[in-house]
C-alpha atoms as a PDB file:
ATOM      1  CA  UNK A   1      72.511  78.770-166.044  1.00  0.00           C
ATOM      2  CA  UNK A   2      72.017  78.978-169.679  1.00  0.00           C
ATOM      3  CA  UNK A   3      73.581  82.036-171.470  1.00  0.00           C
ATOM      4  CA  UNK A   4      72.021  82.560-174.494  1.00  0.00           C
ATOM      5  CA  UNK A   5      75.502  82.918-176.677  1.00  0.00           C
ATOM      6  CA  UNK A   6      73.843  84.148-180.378  1.00  0.00           C
ATOM      7  CA  UNK A   7      70.333  84.355-181.988  1.00  0.00           C
ATOM      8  CA  UNK A   8      69.745  82.734-185.842  1.00  0.00           C
ATOM      9  CA  UNK A   9      66.778  83.571-188.068  1.00  0.00           C
ATOM     10  CA  UNK A  10      66.037  80.120-189.860  1.00  0.00           C
ATOM     11  CA  UNK A  11      63.052  78.544-192.146  1.00  0.00           C
ATOM     12  CA  UNK A  12      61.166  75.657-191.894  1.00  0.00           C
ATOM     13  CA  UNK A  13      60.139  73.213-193.921  1.00  0.00           C
ATOM     14  CA  UNK A  14      56.458  75.152-194.790  1.00  0.00           C
ATOM     15  CA  UNK A  15      58.622  78.087-195.273  1.00  0.00           C
ATOM     16  CA  UNK A  16      57.951  79.636-191.702  1.00  0.00           C
ATOM     17  CA  UNK A  17      60.227  81.546-190.157  1.00  0.00           C
ATOM     18  CA  UNK A  18      62.138  80.401-186.612  1.00  0.00           C
ATOM     19  CA  UNK A  19      64.201  81.807-184.472  1.00  0.00           C
ATOM     20  CA  UNK A  20      67.465  79.351-183.009  1.00  0.00           C
ATOM     21  CA  UNK A  21      69.199  79.661-180.125  1.00  0.00           C
ATOM     22  CA  UNK A  22      72.804  79.271-179.767  1.00  0.00           C
ATOM     23  CA  UNK A  23      72.863  77.882-175.951  1.00  0.00           C
ATOM     24  CA  UNK A  24      75.740  77.441-173.196  1.00  0.00           C
ATOM     25  CA  UNK A  25      75.001  75.609-169.768  1.00  0.00           C
ATOM     26  CA  UNK A  26      77.215  77.922-166.932  1.00  0.00           C
ATOM     27  CA  UNK A  27      78.993  75.740-164.702  1.00  0.00           C
ATOM     28  CA  UNK A  28      80.018  76.234-161.185  1.00  0.00           C
ATOM     29  CA  UNK A  29      84.084  76.336-161.320  1.00  0.00           C
ATOM     30  CA  UNK A  30      84.256  77.945-158.259  1.00  0.00           C
ATOM     31  CA  UNK A  31      86.920  78.394-155.953  1.00  0.00           C
ATOM     32  CA  UNK A  32      88.264  80.018-152.624  1.00  0.00           C
ATOM     33  CA  UNK A  33      89.492  83.096-154.341  1.00  0.00           C
ATOM     34  CA  UNK A  34      86.687  83.810-156.796  1.00  0.00           C
ATOM     35  CA  UNK A  35      83.469  81.745-155.330  1.00  0.00           C
ATOM     36  CA  UNK A  36      81.571  82.842-158.445  1.00  0.00           C
ATOM     37  CA  UNK A  37      83.246  81.855-160.666  1.00  0.00           C
ATOM     38  CA  UNK A  38      81.510  80.389-163.437  1.00  0.00           C
ATOM     39  CA  UNK A  39      82.894  78.199-166.679  1.00  0.00           C
ATOM     40  CA  UNK A  40      80.847  77.876-170.038  1.00  0.00           C
ATOM     41  CA  UNK A  41      79.687  74.413-170.569  1.00  0.00           C
ATOM     42  CA  UNK A  42      78.622  72.360-173.875  1.00  0.00           C
ATOM     43  CA  UNK A  43      76.984  74.616-176.432  1.00  0.00           C
ATOM     44  CA  UNK A  44      73.610  73.477-177.942  1.00  0.00           C
ATOM     45  CA  UNK A  45      71.132  74.467-180.390  1.00  0.00           C
ATOM     46  CA  UNK A  46      67.857  75.151-179.345  1.00  0.00           C
ATOM     47  CA  UNK A  47      64.369  76.564-180.697  1.00  0.00           C
ATOM     48  CA  UNK A  48      62.187  79.212-178.635  1.00  0.00           C
ATOM     49  CA  UNK A  49      60.754  77.000-177.596  1.00  0.00           C
ATOM     50  CA  UNK A  50      63.152  74.599-176.063  1.00  0.00           C
ATOM     51  CA  UNK A  51      63.379  72.152-177.972  1.00  0.00           C
ATOM     52  CA  UNK A  52      66.722  70.640-178.879  1.00  0.00           C
ATOM     53  CA  UNK A  53      68.583  70.979-182.438  1.00  0.00           C
ATOM     54  CA  UNK A  54      70.724  68.567-184.349  1.00  0.00           C
ATOM     55  CA  UNK A  55      72.965  69.575-187.051  1.00  0.00           C
ATOM     56  CA  UNK A  56      72.346  67.575-190.199  1.00  0.00           C
ATOM     57  CA  UNK A  57      73.792  69.960-192.343  1.00  0.00           C
ATOM     58  CA  UNK A  58      76.341  73.196-193.235  1.00  0.00           C
ATOM     59  CA  UNK A  59      72.701  75.118-192.439  1.00  0.00           C
ATOM     60  CA  UNK A  60      70.753  72.521-191.939  1.00  0.00           C
ATOM     61  CA  UNK A  61      69.222  71.261-188.340  1.00  0.00           C
ATOM     62  CA  UNK A  62      66.700  68.851-187.419  1.00  0.00           C
ATOM     63  CA  UNK A  63      64.678  68.609-183.940  1.00  0.00           C
ATOM     64  CA  UNK A  64      66.212  66.082-182.152  1.00  0.00           C
ATOM     65  CA  UNK A  65      64.024  62.809-182.715  1.00  0.00           C
ATOM     66  CA  UNK A  66      62.018  63.814-185.516  1.00  0.00           C
ATOM     67  CA  UNK A  67      61.835  64.869-189.111  1.00  0.00           C
ATOM     68  CA  UNK A  68      61.317  68.317-188.225  1.00  0.00           C
ATOM     69  CA  UNK A  69      63.936  70.105-190.475  1.00  0.00           C
ATOM     70  CA  UNK A  70      64.994  73.941-190.180  1.00  0.00           C
ATOM     71  CA  UNK A  71      67.361  75.893-192.748  1.00  0.00           C
ATOM     72  CA  UNK A  72      69.500  78.770-190.554  1.00  0.00           C
ATOM     73  CA  UNK A  73      69.299  81.808-192.664  1.00  0.00           C
ATOM     74  CA  UNK A  74      72.994  82.668-192.346  1.00  0.00           C
ATOM     75  CA  UNK A  75      76.015  79.920-192.125  1.00  0.00           C
ATOM     76  CA  UNK A  76      76.791  78.620-188.018  1.00  0.00           C
ATOM     77  CA  UNK A  77      80.128  78.102-187.226  1.00  0.00           C
ATOM     78  CA  UNK A  78      80.946  76.683-183.595  1.00  0.00           C
END
């Protein structure tokens, strides 16, 4: 199950605004004492439509596998 950790507004090269999500996959880490316990997995950035992003600069991201770039309106600190 994915958990949204944070949202960021970003600007595309054409000037349009998009929402970027910082998400983390929850992994089942249950044991006999607490079988429903979840631990966080790897964090990643994605667009609201689910396309994964790759960090290419301090506030700059590209859609993975393309040249479609976005600039966050505020700094991202992983």
